[in-house]
Each structure stands twice: as structure tokens, then as C-alpha cells.
C-alpha atoms as a PDB file:
ATOM      1  CA  MET A   1       0.000   0.000   0.000  1.00  0.00           C
ATOM      2  CA  ALA A   2       1.300   3.451  -0.870  1.00  0.00           C
ATOM      3  CA  PRO A   3       2.402   5.587   2.123  1.00  0.00           C
ATOM      4  CA  GLU A   4      -0.223   8.264   1.434  1.00  0.00           C
ATOM      5  CA  ARG A   5      -2.963   5.599   1.413  1.00  0.00           C
ATOM      6  CA  ARG A   6      -1.715   4.193   4.720  1.00  0.00           C
ATOM      7  CA  GLY A   7      -1.894   7.687   6.177  1.00  0.00           C
ATOM      8  CA  ALA A   8      -5.458   8.151   4.947  1.00  0.00           C
ATOM      9  CA  ASP A   9      -6.462   4.759   6.390  1.00  0.00           C
ATOM     10  CA  ARG A  10      -4.838   5.673   9.719  1.00  0.00           C
ATOM     11  CA  ASP A  11      -6.625   9.029   9.802  1.00  0.00           C
ATOM     12  CA  GLY A  12      -9.958   7.423   8.910  1.00  0.00           C
ATOM     13  CA  THR A  13      -9.569   4.747  11.585  1.00  0.00           C
ATOM     14  CA  VAL A  14      -8.650   7.290  14.256  1.00  0.00           C
ATOM     15  CA  GLU A  15     -11.561   9.544  13.303  1.00  0.00           C
ATOM     16  CA  ALA A  16     -14.070   6.655  13.299  1.00  0.00           C
ATOM     17  CA  PHE A  17     -12.725   5.474  16.662  1.00  0.00           C
ATOM     18  CA  HIS A  18     -13.160   8.898  18.246  1.00  0.00           C
ATOM     19  CA  ASP A  19     -16.666   9.150  16.780  1.00  0.00           C
ATOM     20  CA  ALA A  20     -17.619   5.768  18.277  1.00  0.00           C
ATOM     21  CA  VAL A  21     -15.884   6.259  21.641  1.00  0.00           C
ATOM     22  CA  ASN A  22     -17.718   9.132  23.297  1.00  0.00           C
ATOM     23  CA  MET A  23     -16.419   8.570  26.822  1.00  0.00           C
ATOM     24  CA  THR A  24     -13.250  10.204  28.112  1.00  0.00           C
ATOM     25  CA  ALA A  25     -10.401   8.011  29.308  1.00  0.00           C
ATOM     26  CA  GLY A  26     -11.097   9.111  32.888  1.00  0.00           C
ATOM     27  CA  ARG A  27     -14.822   8.394  32.718  1.00  0.00           C
ATOM     28  CA  LEU A  28     -14.235   5.009  31.066  1.00  0.00           C
ATOM     29  CA  ASP A  29     -11.632   4.088  33.680  1.00  0.00           C
ATOM     30  CA  GLU A  30     -14.108   4.983  36.461  1.00  0.00           C
ATOM     31  CA  TRP A  31     -16.848   2.970  34.740  1.00  0.00           C
ATOM     32  CA  LEU A  32     -14.636  -0.118  34.383  1.00  0.00           C
ATOM     33  CA  ALA A  33     -14.205  -0.195  38.189  1.00  0.00           C
ATOM     34  CA  THR A  34     -17.972  -0.586  38.780  1.00  0.00           C
ATOM     35  CA  ASP A  35     -19.834  -3.816  39.481  1.00  0.00           C
ATOM     36  CA  GLU A  36     -22.187  -3.033  36.585  1.00  0.00           C
ATOM     37  CA  SER A  37     -19.260  -2.927  34.170  1.00  0.00           C
ATOM     38  CA  LYS A  38     -17.937  -6.245  35.407  1.00  0.00           C
ATOM     39  CA  SER A  39     -21.389  -7.890  35.242  1.00  0.00           C
ATOM     40  CA  VAL A  40     -21.816  -7.844  31.446  1.00  0.00           C
ATOM     41  CA  GLY A  41     -20.157  -9.334  28.410  1.00  0.00           C
ATOM     42  CA  GLN A  42     -18.871 -12.657  27.154  1.00  0.00           C
ATOM     43  CA  SER A  43     -16.453 -14.352  29.498  1.00  0.00           C
ATOM     44  CA  ASP A  44     -14.923 -17.754  30.063  1.00  0.00           C
ATOM     45  CA  GLY A  45     -15.066 -17.187  33.812  1.00  0.00           C
ATOM     46  CA  GLY A  46     -12.514 -14.366  33.915  1.00  0.00           C
ATOM     47  CA  GLU A  47     -12.628 -10.837  32.605  1.00  0.00           C
ATOM     48  CA  SER A  48     -15.141 -10.286  29.793  1.00  0.00           C
ATOM     49  CA  VAL A  49     -13.984  -9.431  26.288  1.00  0.00           C
ATOM     50  CA  GLY A  50     -15.638  -6.011  26.497  1.00  0.00           C
ATOM     51  CA  HIS A  51     -14.102  -5.193  29.857  1.00  0.00           C
ATOM     52  CA  ALA A  52     -10.618  -6.046  28.580  1.00  0.00           C
ATOM     53  CA  SER A  53     -11.327  -3.970  25.483  1.00  0.00           C
ATOM     54  CA  GLY A  54     -12.306  -1.049  27.700  1.00  0.00           C
ATOM     55  CA  ARG A  55      -8.943  -1.175  29.446  1.00  0.00           C
ATOM     56  CA  ARG A  56      -7.235  -1.159  26.045  1.00  0.00           C
ATOM     57  CA  ILE A  57      -9.414   1.768  24.911  1.00  0.00           C
ATOM     58  CA  VAL A  58      -8.277   3.795  27.931  1.00  0.00           C
ATOM     59  CA  GLU A  59      -4.679   3.195  26.831  1.00  0.00           C
ATOM     60  CA  LEU A  60      -5.499   4.132  23.233  1.00  0.00           C
ATOM     61  CA  LEU A  61      -7.135   7.372  24.321  1.00  0.00           C
ATOM     62  CA  HIS A  62      -3.845   8.305  25.995  1.00  0.00           C
ATOM     63  CA  THR A  63      -1.744   7.369  22.949  1.00  0.00           C
ATOM     64  CA  LYS A  64      -0.625  10.007  20.447  1.00  0.00           C
ATOM     65  CA  LYS A  65      -1.792   9.322  16.906  1.00  0.00           C
ATOM     66  CA  ALA A  66       1.790   9.164  15.649  1.00  0.00           C
ATOM     67  CA  ASP A  67       2.582   6.448  18.216  1.00  0.00           C
ATOM     68  CA  LEU A  68      -0.288   4.099  17.297  1.00  0.00           C
ATOM     69  CA  THR A  69       0.834   0.659  16.135  1.00  0.00           C
ATOM     70  CA  ASP A  70      -0.838  -1.559  13.554  1.00  0.00           C
ATOM     71  CA  ASP A  71      -2.237  -3.623  16.458  1.00  0.00           C
ATOM     72  CA  ASP A  72      -3.652  -0.440  18.017  1.00  0.00           C
ATOM     73  CA  LEU A  73      -5.334   0.506  14.743  1.00  0.00           C
ATOM     74  CA  ALA A  74      -6.744  -3.020  14.382  1.00  0.00           C
ATOM     75  CA  HIS A  75      -8.262  -2.782  17.875  1.00  0.00           C
ATOM     76  CA  MET A  76      -9.671   0.649  17.056  1.00  0.00           C
ATOM     77  CA  ARG A  77     -11.407  -0.843  14.000  1.00  0.00           C
ATOM     78  CA  LYS A  78     -12.751  -3.677  16.190  1.00  0.00           C
ATOM     79  CA  VAL A  79     -14.177  -1.107  18.628  1.00  0.00           C
ATOM     80  CA  VAL A  80     -15.854   0.851  15.823  1.00  0.00           C
ATOM     81  CA  GLY A  81     -17.399  -2.322  14.408  1.00  0.00           C
ATOM     82  CA  TYR A  82     -18.667  -3.460  17.799  1.00  0.00           C
ATOM     83  CA  VAL A  83     -20.190  -0.089  18.675  1.00  0.00           C
ATOM     84  CA  HIS A  84     -21.937   0.212  15.289  1.00  0.00           C
ATOM     85  CA  ARG A  85     -23.346  -3.340  15.480  1.00  0.00           C
ATOM     86  CA  HIS A  86     -24.445  -3.021  19.092  1.00  0.00           C
ATOM     87  CA  VAL A  87     -26.106   0.386  18.598  1.00  0.00           C
ATOM     88  CA  GLY A  88     -28.118  -1.221  15.790  1.00  0.00           C
ATOM     89  CA  GLN A  89     -29.500  -3.722  18.335  1.00  0.00           C
ATOM     90  CA  ARG A  90     -30.901  -1.051  20.678  1.00  0.00           C
ATOM     91  CA  PRO A  91     -33.784  -2.403  22.744  1.00  0.00           C
ATOM     92  CA  ASP A  92     -37.070  -0.541  23.037  1.00  0.00           C
ATOM     93  CA  GLY A  93     -37.748   1.739  25.967  1.00  0.00           C
ATOM     94  CA  ASP A  94     -35.498   3.389  28.500  1.00  0.00           C
ATOM     95  CA  VAL A  95     -31.978   1.960  28.165  1.00  0.00           C
ATOM     96  CA  THR A  96     -30.450   3.868  31.086  1.00  0.00           C
ATOM     97  CA  GLU A  97     -29.953   0.867  33.388  1.00  0.00           C
ATOM     98  CA  THR A  98     -29.700  -1.992  30.899  1.00  0.00           C
ATOM     99  CA  ARG A  99     -27.098  -4.634  30.159  1.00  0.00           C
ATOM    100  CA  TRP A 100     -27.180  -3.328  26.554  1.00  0.00           C
ATOM    101  CA  ARG A 101     -25.975   0.115  27.648  1.00  0.00           C
ATOM    102  CA  TYR A 102     -23.476  -1.299  30.144  1.00  0.00           C
ATOM    103  CA  SER A 103     -21.940  -3.489  27.458  1.00  0.00           C
ATOM    104  CA  LEU A 104     -21.570  -0.512  25.111  1.00  0.00           C
ATOM    105  CA  MET A 105     -20.011   1.525  27.895  1.00  0.00           C
ATOM    106  CA  ASN A 106     -17.353  -1.172  28.360  1.00  0.00           C
ATOM    107  CA  TRP A 107     -16.458  -0.444  24.724  1.00  0.00           C
ATOM    108  CA  GLY A 108     -16.276   3.321  25.409  1.00  0.00           C
ATOM    109  CA  HIS A 109     -19.673   4.369  24.083  1.00  0.00           C
ATOM    110  CA  ASP A 110     -22.365   5.773  26.386  1.00  0.00           C
ATOM    111  CA  HIS A 111     -25.554   5.843  24.342  1.00  0.00           C
ATOM    112  CA  VAL A 112     -27.324   7.977  26.957  1.00  0.00           C
ATOM    113  CA  LYS A 113     -24.645  10.654  26.906  1.00  0.00           C
END
């Protein structure tokens, strides 16, 4: 891939990530410490996938764009995909205190915000 195309892909990924992740690193870090955060998501008995992703998102939010690795960008694309899919599955009614919202928040997106 040509260097200018890689740069455009990087910029697009970073922009999409910041559009999908609407929680600050501090707010997400606080959220991940709650029982509600730890109660949702797919798990094999340990930490859920979403909870682990949330910890990685906090790190990514603190990382300068120029310092992002290919693995970082891949995770950012995974986050964007998850948020877009999950938002499309919004349940009816008030979602304020739902597992649906809590799961999204683990991925850095607060739909009520």
C-alpha cells in the first residue's frame, strides 16, 4: 500500500474510533471499576472481552496518533465495528440501566450521553 494511502487509512480509523468512543479516558476508567461494568459481556469465567477492550481503549485514548501501532489501529477498527453493530440492536424503551448500555459503555460508548 502506498504511504499516502496508509496515512489516509490511519486518519480514517482514528476519526471513526473517536466518533464511536464518546467517553473520556477518565470516565471510562471509572466505569470499568464498577460492578455493573464487570457484570456484562462474554467471558470464560474471567474478565469479559468487552471489559478487557475497555482497558485497552483507555490506553489508546492516551496514545498520540503518531505512536499508534498496527495492532492499536486493528483494535480501534474492532471497537468501531462493535459499537456500530451493538447500537443497531438497541432495545425498546429506556436503556439507562440496561445490560445493553453497560456493554456498550465497556467499549467506550455511552448511548445515553
